[in-house]
Protein backbone atom coordinates (compact mmCIF):
# COMPACT_ATOMS: atom_id res chain seq x y z
CA MET A 1 -11.58 11.97 55.73
CA SER A 2 -9.77 11.62 52.55
CA ARG A 3 -11.56 10.08 49.69
CA SER A 4 -10.64 7.76 46.95
CA PHE A 5 -11.27 8.37 43.26
CA PRO A 6 -10.34 5.55 40.46
CA MET A 7 -7.19 6.21 38.28
CA PRO A 8 -8.20 7.37 35.06
CA GLN A 9 -7.25 4.49 32.48
CA ALA A 10 -4.24 5.07 30.22
CA PHE A 11 -4.60 5.61 26.54
CA VAL A 12 -3.28 2.84 24.30
CA SER A 13 -0.27 4.13 21.88
CA PRO A 14 -1.93 4.52 17.89
CA ASP A 15 0.41 1.72 17.09
CA ARG A 16 -1.07 -1.04 19.65
CA ILE A 17 -4.68 -0.20 17.74
CA ARG A 18 -3.15 -0.44 14.24
CA SER A 19 -1.69 -3.82 15.42
CA LEU A 20 -4.98 -4.94 16.48
CA PHE A 21 -6.73 -3.99 13.89
CA THR A 22 -4.12 -5.69 11.30
CA GLU A 23 -4.48 -8.75 13.03
CA ALA A 24 -8.50 -8.51 13.09
CA MET A 25 -8.92 -7.71 9.43
CA SER A 26 -6.49 -10.53 8.53
CA GLN A 27 -8.50 -13.32 10.31
CA MET A 28 -11.36 -11.97 8.78
CA TYR A 29 -10.19 -12.28 5.40
CA ARG A 30 -8.66 -15.35 5.91
CA ALA A 31 -12.19 -16.91 6.65
CA GLU A 32 -13.76 -15.22 3.86
CA VAL A 33 -11.44 -15.66 1.44
CA PRO A 34 -9.67 -18.68 2.03
CA GLN A 35 -7.43 -19.01 -0.82
CA TYR A 36 -5.69 -15.54 1.31
CA GLY A 37 -4.35 -18.18 4.01
CA THR A 38 -3.17 -20.31 1.54
CA LEU A 39 -1.19 -17.31 -0.11
CA ILE A 40 -0.02 -16.22 3.33
CA GLU A 41 1.55 -20.00 4.18
CA LEU A 42 3.48 -19.59 0.62
CA VAL A 43 4.27 -16.20 1.33
CA ALA A 44 6.00 -17.48 5.13
CA ASP A 45 7.48 -20.32 3.47
CA VAL A 46 9.57 -18.42 0.75
CA ASN A 47 10.47 -16.00 3.00
CA ALA A 48 12.08 -18.29 5.63
CA GLY A 49 14.01 -20.02 3.04
CA CYS A 50 15.34 -16.46 1.48
CA LEU A 51 16.80 -15.54 4.98
CA GLU A 52 18.21 -18.88 5.45
CA LYS A 53 20.48 -18.66 2.37
CA ASP A 54 21.04 -15.13 2.26
CA PRO A 55 22.69 -14.05 5.82
CA ASP A 56 23.78 -10.73 4.07
CA LEU A 57 20.04 -9.76 3.62
CA ARG A 58 19.02 -10.97 7.02
CA ASP A 59 21.60 -8.74 8.30
CA ARG A 60 20.66 -5.71 6.31
CA LEU A 61 17.13 -6.45 7.44
CA ALA A 62 18.01 -6.35 10.98
CA ARG A 63 20.22 -3.53 11.05
CA ALA A 64 17.36 -1.24 9.44
CA GLY A 65 14.73 -2.47 12.05
CA GLU A 66 13.07 -4.16 9.17
CA LEU A 67 13.31 -7.96 10.01
CA GLU A 68 10.50 -8.25 12.60
CA ARG A 69 8.01 -6.35 10.53
CA ILE A 70 8.36 -8.58 7.73
CA ASP A 71 5.70 -11.30 9.19
CA VAL A 72 2.97 -8.80 9.94
CA GLU A 73 3.15 -6.36 7.10
CA ARG A 74 0.14 -6.16 5.12
CA HIS A 75 -1.48 -3.72 3.14
CA GLY A 76 -5.27 -3.52 2.00
CA ALA A 77 -7.21 -1.87 -0.78
CA ILE A 78 -10.79 -0.15 -0.08
CA ARG A 79 -13.04 1.51 -2.90
CA LEU A 80 -15.32 4.42 -1.42
CA GLY A 81 -18.21 6.09 -3.42
CA THR A 82 -18.62 9.42 -1.67
CA ALA A 83 -16.68 12.39 -0.50
CA ASP A 84 -18.33 11.91 3.50
CA GLU A 85 -17.00 8.28 3.37
CA LEU A 86 -13.73 9.63 2.09
CA PHE A 87 -13.70 12.34 5.03
CA THR A 88 -14.93 9.65 7.81
CA ILE A 89 -12.17 7.17 6.91
CA ARG A 90 -9.55 9.72 7.17
CA ARG A 91 -11.01 10.17 10.91
CA LEU A 92 -11.18 6.50 11.50
CA PHE A 93 -7.37 5.73 10.09
CA ALA A 94 -6.28 8.64 12.46
CA VAL A 95 -7.10 6.51 15.37
CA MET A 96 -4.43 4.02 13.99
CA GLY A 97 -1.79 6.57 13.44
CA MET A 98 -2.25 6.52 9.89
CA GLN A 99 -2.16 9.56 7.35
CA PRO A 100 -2.90 10.44 3.88
CA VAL A 101 -0.06 9.77 1.48
CA GLY A 102 0.13 10.65 -2.14
CA TYR A 103 -2.49 11.49 -4.85
CA TYR A 104 -2.72 8.26 -7.57
CA ASP A 105 -4.92 8.90 -10.60
CA LEU A 106 -5.97 5.80 -12.05
CA SER A 107 -8.17 7.34 -14.39
CA VAL A 108 -5.31 7.73 -17.05
CA ALA A 109 -5.38 4.08 -16.80
CA GLY A 110 -8.57 3.56 -17.92
CA VAL A 111 -10.13 3.04 -14.00
CA PRO A 112 -12.49 5.70 -12.70
CA VAL A 113 -11.18 6.34 -9.47
CA HIS A 114 -8.40 8.89 -7.60
CA SER A 115 -6.82 7.38 -4.59
CA THR A 116 -4.62 8.39 -1.62
CA SER A 117 -2.51 5.66 0.87
CA PHE A 118 -3.07 5.55 4.54
CA ARG A 119 -0.06 4.60 6.22
CA PRO A 120 1.94 5.97 9.62
CA ILE A 121 4.55 7.58 8.53
CA ASP A 122 7.59 7.89 11.70
CA GLU A 123 10.36 5.57 11.27
CA ALA A 124 9.67 3.84 14.60
CA ALA A 125 5.51 3.25 14.04
CA LEU A 126 6.76 1.68 10.38
CA ASN A 127 8.97 -0.73 12.33
CA VAL A 128 6.01 -1.50 14.54
CA ASN A 129 3.78 -2.23 11.72
CA PRO A 130 3.58 -0.79 8.72
CA PHE A 131 -0.20 -1.42 7.59
CA ARG A 132 -0.93 0.65 5.15
CA VAL A 133 -4.83 0.62 2.98
CA PHE A 134 -4.96 1.89 -0.66
CA THR A 135 -8.06 4.05 -0.82
CA SER A 136 -9.98 4.97 -3.84
CA LEU A 137 -12.83 7.34 -4.18
CA LEU A 138 -15.14 6.54 -7.36
CA ARG A 139 -15.07 9.51 -9.75
CA LEU A 140 -18.84 9.53 -10.68
CA GLU A 141 -18.21 12.16 -13.16
CA LEU A 142 -16.82 9.79 -15.09
CA ILE A 143 -20.12 7.99 -15.87
CA LYS A 144 -21.01 8.94 -19.20
CA ASP A 145 -24.60 8.21 -18.85
CA GLU A 146 -26.05 11.28 -17.04
CA GLY A 147 -28.99 9.42 -16.00
CA LEU A 148 -26.89 6.23 -14.56
CA ARG A 149 -24.62 9.14 -12.81
CA GLY A 150 -27.70 10.26 -11.14
CA GLU A 151 -29.07 7.06 -10.15
CA ALA A 152 -25.29 6.23 -8.86
CA GLU A 153 -25.38 9.27 -6.75
CA ALA A 154 -28.88 8.69 -5.11
CA ILE A 155 -27.72 4.95 -4.01
CA LEU A 156 -24.72 6.06 -2.48
CA ALA A 157 -26.15 9.32 -0.58
CA LYS A 158 -28.45 6.55 1.29
CA ARG A 159 -25.99 4.10 2.57
CA ARG A 160 -24.24 4.46 5.59
CA ILE A 161 -20.90 2.35 5.72
CA TYR A 162 -20.16 3.45 9.79
CA THR A 163 -21.23 1.96 12.54
CA PRO A 164 -22.83 4.57 14.90
CA ARG A 165 -20.41 3.20 17.74
CA ALA A 166 -17.16 3.27 15.23
CA VAL A 167 -17.98 7.25 14.83
CA ALA A 168 -18.53 7.69 18.45
CA LEU A 169 -15.09 6.30 19.39
CA ILE A 170 -13.63 8.30 16.49
CA GLU A 171 -15.04 11.41 17.95
CA ARG A 172 -14.01 10.39 21.32
CA HIS A 173 -10.33 9.70 20.45
CA GLU A 174 -10.60 13.27 18.86
CA GLN A 175 -12.08 14.99 22.40
CA LYS A 176 -9.70 13.23 24.31
CA GLY A 177 -6.61 12.41 22.75
CA GLY A 178 -7.05 8.63 22.58
CA LEU A 179 -8.09 5.45 23.41
CA THR A 180 -8.15 3.33 26.31
CA GLU A 181 -7.30 -0.54 25.51
CA THR A 182 -11.00 -1.30 26.42
CA GLU A 183 -12.24 1.61 23.94
CA ALA A 184 -9.26 0.31 21.43
CA THR A 185 -10.49 -3.46 21.05
CA GLU A 186 -14.29 -2.06 20.76
CA PHE A 187 -12.97 0.28 18.39
CA VAL A 188 -11.10 -2.36 15.98
CA ALA A 189 -14.65 -4.81 16.45
CA GLU A 190 -16.69 -1.86 14.91
CA ALA A 191 -14.43 -0.36 12.45
CA LEU A 192 -14.15 -3.71 10.82
CA GLU A 193 -18.08 -3.69 10.01
CA THR A 194 -17.03 -1.41 7.23
CA PHE A 195 -14.48 -3.79 5.75
CA ARG A 196 -16.57 -6.66 5.83
CA TRP A 197 -17.88 -8.51 2.69
CA HIS A 198 -22.05 -8.52 2.02
CA GLY A 199 -23.12 -11.17 -0.10
CA GLU A 200 -26.51 -9.00 -0.74
CA ALA A 201 -26.78 -6.28 -3.29
CA THR A 202 -28.62 -3.20 -2.60
CA VAL A 203 -29.50 -2.95 -6.37
CA SER A 204 -31.66 -4.56 -8.61
CA ALA A 205 -30.17 -7.18 -10.80
CA GLU A 206 -31.20 -4.43 -14.02
CA THR A 207 -29.12 -1.96 -12.19
CA TYR A 208 -26.39 -3.95 -11.34
CA LYS A 209 -26.02 -4.92 -15.31
CA ARG A 210 -26.32 -1.52 -16.22
CA LEU A 211 -23.49 -0.34 -13.56
CA HIS A 212 -21.26 -3.22 -14.52
CA ASP A 213 -21.57 -2.34 -18.43
CA ALA A 214 -20.43 1.00 -17.68
CA HIS A 215 -17.44 -0.29 -15.56
CA ARG A 216 -16.68 -3.27 -13.55
CA LEU A 217 -15.38 -1.39 -10.55
CA ILE A 218 -18.47 1.09 -10.74
CA ALA A 219 -20.65 -1.68 -10.25
CA ASP A 220 -18.50 -2.98 -7.05
CA VAL A 221 -18.19 0.04 -5.51
CA VAL A 222 -22.03 1.59 -6.12
CA SER A 223 -24.00 -1.97 -5.26
CA PHE A 224 -23.02 -2.97 -1.71
CA LYS A 225 -24.04 -1.61 1.64
CA GLY A 226 -20.62 -1.31 2.47
CA PRO A 227 -17.14 -1.41 0.25
CA HIS A 228 -15.75 -4.23 1.97
CA ILE A 229 -12.24 -4.96 1.20
CA ASN A 230 -11.06 -5.78 -1.68
CA HIS A 231 -7.69 -7.51 -1.11
CA LEU A 232 -4.97 -7.89 1.64
CA THR A 233 -1.48 -8.10 0.83
CA PRO A 234 1.54 -10.04 2.57
CA ARG A 235 5.25 -8.99 1.95
CA THR A 236 7.45 -11.39 0.39
CA LEU A 237 11.28 -11.31 -0.06
CA ASP A 238 11.14 -13.26 -3.59
CA ILE A 239 7.75 -12.65 -5.52
CA ASP A 240 9.35 -14.28 -8.65
CA ALA A 241 9.69 -17.67 -6.49
CA VAL A 242 5.78 -17.14 -5.17
CA GLN A 243 4.46 -16.66 -8.54
CA ALA A 244 6.37 -19.74 -9.63
CA ARG A 245 5.03 -21.75 -6.86
CA MET A 246 1.68 -20.49 -6.65
CA PRO A 247 0.01 -23.22 -9.24
CA GLU A 248 1.74 -25.70 -6.67
CA ARG A 249 -1.24 -24.66 -3.93
CA GLY A 250 -3.93 -24.45 -6.56
CA ILE A 251 -3.79 -20.94 -7.45
CA THR A 252 -3.24 -19.54 -10.31
CA PRO A 253 -1.29 -16.13 -10.73
CA LYS A 254 -1.85 -13.28 -13.19
CA ALA A 255 0.31 -13.14 -16.27
CA VAL A 256 3.20 -10.74 -15.38
CA ILE A 257 4.44 -9.16 -12.32
CA GLU A 258 3.73 -5.22 -12.23
CA GLY A 259 6.61 -3.11 -11.46
CA PRO A 260 10.29 -3.34 -12.27
CA PRO A 261 11.95 -6.34 -13.09
CA ARG A 262 13.68 -8.57 -10.70
CA ARG A 263 17.14 -7.24 -9.57
CA HIS A 264 20.05 -7.77 -7.36
CA CYS A 265 18.71 -4.24 -5.66
CA ASP A 266 14.86 -4.16 -5.49
CA ILE A 267 13.59 -0.78 -6.32
CA LEU A 268 10.06 0.24 -5.58
CA LEU A 269 7.06 -2.01 -5.29
CA ARG A 270 6.46 -5.38 -7.37
CA GLN A 271 2.85 -6.84 -7.46
CA THR A 272 1.30 -10.01 -8.46
CA SER A 273 -2.09 -11.82 -7.56
CA PHE A 274 -4.64 -14.35 -8.17
CA LYS A 275 -7.72 -13.59 -10.03
CA ALA A 276 -10.65 -12.11 -8.12
CA LEU A 277 -13.12 -14.58 -6.82
CA GLU A 278 -16.54 -15.18 -8.53
CA GLU A 279 -18.77 -14.91 -5.31
CA ALA A 280 -22.48 -15.35 -5.35
CA ILE A 281 -24.65 -12.37 -4.53
CA ALA A 282 -28.63 -11.99 -3.90
CA PHE A 283 -30.03 -8.84 -5.68
CA SER A 284 -32.74 -6.53 -4.13
CA ASP A 285 -35.09 -7.65 -6.34
CA ASP A 286 -38.32 -9.67 -4.51
CA ASP A 287 -36.23 -9.82 -1.50
CA GLY A 288 -33.46 -11.18 -2.89
CA ALA A 289 -34.90 -13.94 -4.82
CA ILE A 290 -32.76 -13.29 -7.86
CA GLN A 291 -29.04 -14.75 -7.60
CA GLY A 292 -25.98 -13.92 -9.58
CA THR A 293 -22.46 -13.37 -8.94
CA HIS A 294 -19.73 -10.75 -8.38
CA THR A 295 -16.47 -10.56 -9.00
CA ALA A 296 -14.19 -8.27 -7.08
CA ARG A 297 -11.87 -9.94 -4.16
CA PHE A 298 -8.27 -11.57 -4.68
CA GLY A 299 -5.30 -12.36 -3.42
CA GLU A 300 -2.23 -10.17 -3.85
CA ILE A 301 1.47 -10.53 -3.12
CA GLU A 302 4.46 -7.46 -3.11
CA GLN A 303 8.08 -7.43 -2.58
CA ARG A 304 9.26 -4.12 -1.67
CA GLY A 305 12.85 -2.56 -2.68
CA VAL A 306 14.33 1.08 -1.95
CA ALA A 307 12.24 4.43 -2.05
CA LEU A 308 13.87 6.14 -5.39
CA THR A 309 14.26 9.83 -5.61
CA ALA A 310 12.55 12.26 -8.00
CA LYS A 311 15.21 12.00 -10.19
CA GLY A 312 15.71 8.00 -10.01
CA ARG A 313 11.55 8.00 -10.16
CA ALA A 314 11.90 10.01 -13.24
CA LEU A 315 14.25 7.39 -14.95
CA TYR A 316 11.99 4.40 -13.82
CA ASP A 317 8.60 6.14 -15.06
CA GLN A 318 10.60 6.43 -18.80
CA LEU A 319 11.99 2.94 -18.79
CA LEU A 320 8.57 1.45 -17.65
CA ALA A 321 6.60 3.48 -20.01
CA SER A 322 9.00 2.36 -23.31
CA VAL A 323 8.61 -0.98 -22.50
CA ARG A 324 4.71 -1.06 -21.78
CA GLY A 325 4.33 1.43 -25.05
CA GLU A 326 5.74 -1.20 -27.31
CA VAL A 327 4.87 -4.98 -25.38
CA GLN A 328 1.49 -5.71 -24.92
CA VAL A 329 0.47 -8.61 -22.56
CA GLY A 330 -3.03 -10.46 -23.12
CA ALA A 331 -5.24 -12.05 -20.84
CA GLY A 332 -3.81 -15.48 -21.67
CA GLY A 333 -0.28 -14.12 -21.09
CA ALA A 334 1.25 -15.24 -24.34
CA LYS A 335 3.59 -12.58 -24.32
CA ALA A 336 4.42 -12.57 -20.84
CA GLY A 337 8.20 -14.12 -21.12
CA ALA A 338 8.80 -11.57 -23.99
CA TYR A 339 7.48 -8.36 -21.86
CA ASP A 340 9.94 -9.59 -18.76
CA ASP A 341 12.96 -10.00 -21.08
CA GLU A 342 12.16 -6.35 -22.65
CA LEU A 343 11.76 -5.25 -18.86
CA ALA A 344 15.17 -6.30 -17.88
CA ALA A 345 16.77 -5.46 -20.91
CA ARG A 346 15.34 -1.56 -20.51
CA PHE A 347 16.11 -1.35 -16.88
CA LYS A 348 19.84 -1.99 -17.28
CA ALA A 349 20.22 1.85 -17.95
CA LEU A 350 19.14 1.93 -14.01
CA PRO A 351 22.23 1.00 -11.97
CA ASP A 352 21.89 -2.19 -10.08
CA SER A 353 24.38 -1.66 -6.89
CA TRP A 354 23.34 0.28 -4.00
CA ASP A 355 26.59 2.30 -3.77
CA GLU A 356 25.88 3.51 -7.68
CA LEU A 357 22.07 4.13 -6.67
CA ARG A 358 23.30 6.24 -3.61
CA ARG A 359 25.90 8.42 -5.59
CA ALA A 360 23.76 9.19 -8.44
CA ASP A 361 21.18 10.67 -6.36
CA LEU A 362 18.65 7.90 -7.64
CA ALA A 363 17.32 6.38 -4.25
CA PHE A 364 16.94 7.05 -0.55
CA PHE A 365 19.04 5.98 2.05
CA ARG A 366 19.88 5.69 5.94
CA TYR A 367 22.81 6.22 7.45
CA SER A 368 24.42 5.14 10.57
CA ALA A 369 27.63 5.74 12.92
CA THR A 370 29.60 2.43 12.31
CA SER A 371 31.14 1.13 15.91
CA ALA A 372 34.50 1.31 14.30
CA GLY A 373 33.98 5.23 13.61
CA ILE A 374 32.34 5.77 17.17
CA ALA A 375 35.70 4.79 18.51
CA ALA A 376 37.86 6.28 16.14
CA ALA A 377 35.94 9.63 16.97
CA VAL A 378 37.07 9.44 20.40
CA GLY A 379 40.74 11.25 20.49
CA SER A 380 40.78 12.14 16.76
CA THR A 381 39.61 14.13 13.85
CA LEU A 382 37.69 12.23 11.05
CA PRO A 383 37.30 13.06 7.36
CA GLY A 384 35.25 15.89 6.97
CA ASP A 385 33.30 14.44 3.90
CA PRO A 386 30.85 11.75 4.23
CA GLU A 387 31.79 9.90 1.12
CA ALA A 388 35.47 9.35 2.73
CA LEU A 389 33.60 8.66 6.08
CA ILE A 390 31.74 5.81 4.04
CA THR A 391 34.93 4.49 2.13
CA SER A 392 36.74 4.37 5.39
CA GLY A 393 34.06 2.25 7.15
CA TYR A 394 33.02 4.94 9.75
CA LEU A 395 29.74 5.23 8.13
CA ALA A 396 27.17 3.01 6.79
CA PHE A 397 23.91 3.10 4.87
CA THR A 398 20.94 1.06 4.27
CA PRO A 399 18.58 1.53 1.66
CA ILE A 400 15.00 3.20 2.70
CA VAL A 401 12.05 0.74 1.65
CA TYR A 402 9.36 2.02 -0.25
CA GLU A 403 6.56 2.53 1.91
CA ASP A 404 3.98 3.26 -1.00
CA PHE A 405 2.25 2.54 -4.26
CA LEU A 406 2.47 2.99 -8.34
CA PRO A 407 -0.29 3.75 -9.94
CA VAL A 408 0.47 2.06 -13.32
CA SER A 409 1.12 -1.22 -11.17
CA ALA A 410 -1.90 -0.39 -9.32
CA ALA A 411 -4.12 -0.03 -12.37
CA GLY A 412 -2.88 -3.29 -14.00
CA ILE A 413 -3.49 -4.91 -10.72
CA PHE A 414 -7.19 -3.71 -10.84
CA GLN A 415 -7.63 -4.51 -14.30
CA SER A 416 -6.59 -8.05 -14.41
CA ASN A 417 -8.63 -8.96 -11.25
CA LEU A 418 -11.69 -7.65 -12.40
CA GLY A 419 -11.49 -10.53 -14.76
CA THR A 420 -10.89 -8.38 -18.05
CA ASP A 421 -8.81 -6.35 -20.10
CA GLN A 422 -11.51 -3.60 -20.54
CA GLN A 423 -9.85 -0.22 -21.11
CA GLN A 424 -12.16 2.92 -21.11
CA ASN A 425 -10.21 5.86 -22.58
CA TYR A 426 -11.47 8.82 -19.82
CA ALA A 427 -10.73 12.35 -21.35
CA THR A 428 -10.15 14.03 -17.86
CA ARG A 429 -7.35 15.73 -15.99
CA SER A 430 -6.27 14.81 -12.54
CA ASN A 431 -8.68 16.15 -9.71
CA ARG A 432 -6.49 16.36 -6.96
CA ASP A 433 -7.98 19.89 -5.55
CA ALA A 434 -11.42 17.89 -5.38
CA PHE A 435 -10.18 14.74 -3.97
CA GLU A 436 -8.29 16.74 -1.05
CA ALA A 437 -11.38 18.67 -0.34
CA ALA A 438 -13.43 15.51 -0.16
CA LEU A 439 -10.46 14.16 2.37
CA GLY A 440 -10.53 17.55 4.29
CA ALA A 441 -6.67 17.25 4.30
CA THR A 442 -3.51 17.64 2.10
CA ALA A 443 -1.93 13.96 0.94
CA GLN A 444 1.42 14.48 1.97
CA ASP A 445 4.34 14.14 -0.37
CA GLU A 446 5.88 11.07 -0.15
CA LEU A 447 9.21 12.33 -1.77
CA ALA A 448 9.34 14.73 1.04
CA LEU A 449 9.14 12.13 3.52
CA TYR A 450 11.92 10.04 2.30
CA ALA A 451 14.16 13.01 1.84
CA GLU A 452 13.33 13.79 5.83
CA ARG A 453 13.79 10.71 6.48
CA GLN A 454 17.46 10.19 4.92
CA ALA A 455 18.49 14.09 6.14
CA ALA A 456 17.48 13.24 9.61
CA SER A 457 19.42 9.92 9.67
CA LEU A 458 22.35 11.70 8.41
CA ASP A 459 22.44 14.04 11.15
CA SER A 460 22.30 11.86 13.98
CA ALA A 461 24.81 9.65 12.36
CA LEU A 462 27.28 12.49 11.61
CA ALA A 463 26.48 13.74 15.51
CA ALA A 464 27.57 10.29 16.90
CA LEU A 465 30.66 10.69 14.95
CA SER A 466 31.16 14.61 16.74
CA LEU A 467 30.69 16.08 13.30
CA ALA A 468 27.86 17.90 11.83
CA GLY A 469 26.65 19.91 8.76
CA LEU A 470 28.37 17.71 6.18
CA PRO A 471 26.74 17.85 2.97
CA LEU A 472 26.24 14.38 0.81
CA LYS A 473 27.88 14.82 -2.72
CA THR A 474 26.39 13.24 -5.78
CA VAL A 475 28.07 12.01 -8.92
CA ALA A 476 26.52 13.80 -11.88
């Protein structure tokens, strides 16, 4: 007599888990921060208007496989306190197919953290859901008061920001190679608890004040049972329109948009936001009898452009630094117009044409064989030069979207939304080795990832044209 056994349940893809988590996170944050919902609605309206009035933009996004991802695209940010917390969050994000990319030292801009971005790296996964989380680790060594530093270390050592079940499911994923649909749903619910807001501080009002006086961000990281997501960011196709229309929805934007100026050909990343909420909290004194407020969570919007090469990024950094060194924008935004004008003037040194950016090796592009090129390749010999193929209409290129972050912009957002222009001068150097030791992995080089995608796309396009191994030529 034969015996029947239940069929094993198939594992769901990391893309599926990431999408479930993104939606759950968005719903939670919308409930916790109602203005985030208003922001989502505004961005959706602006994006729809952009696509309607600019068919070329719609076609370009569609050709690059990016059109469907616009509405689901989000990035979040979280700040951790210990090496163990960072180590475990790497494992948590791995369940969702997200890997650490890039190292960012924000201490040089007066913020006592260093960071990485967890995100998918495969092009297909990015087009399914490019969810990213900018993840920072507090640099406790930057707290000058030794007594306060020791107290902060002791407070952080006691907390556990992951539920036991979340850790168990992470371990199951690592051991078995995946999670079933049922396990994935449970994992999302458990993982979400790490990112949830808690209105009860784990410290006394007096301790909170001392941490706050050292730096507002230190108080935010150390004073609560969990790190709580401090913002979620939708992607817009016209950040200037969103900035201008935010007051219509009862939202006050920050004074200036961080990053490069408005251009015909968008580069890297532009970001704006509204000021962080002042939220009621209960301190640990007398079972929460002492009430206070905390400022940490805010709304942010981003506009993403093409990823720049090392050469392009060096020029971008030089131009941005030249403006920021001469034009300062105060908390009231009195000089915002002057800053924007000067930024636009300086950035005329960076070409504002896709073809010029490409030919000068300033930006990364995805190559594809056109239908005309594939037809022409049948029974004939095509030019043996990619530039000639492009001129003939046989080879097309589209910009590769920048998937990462900018440390100066991140610091500007952090400072603005802490409700202060407070600046600290930390006499320290980047400590990538210590960060990666805590991470338990090496943060991947984002420029190498873009270069690999560009090279792979060119190889695939040339193969479709029955050509191979033709090098790209750049202008001086």
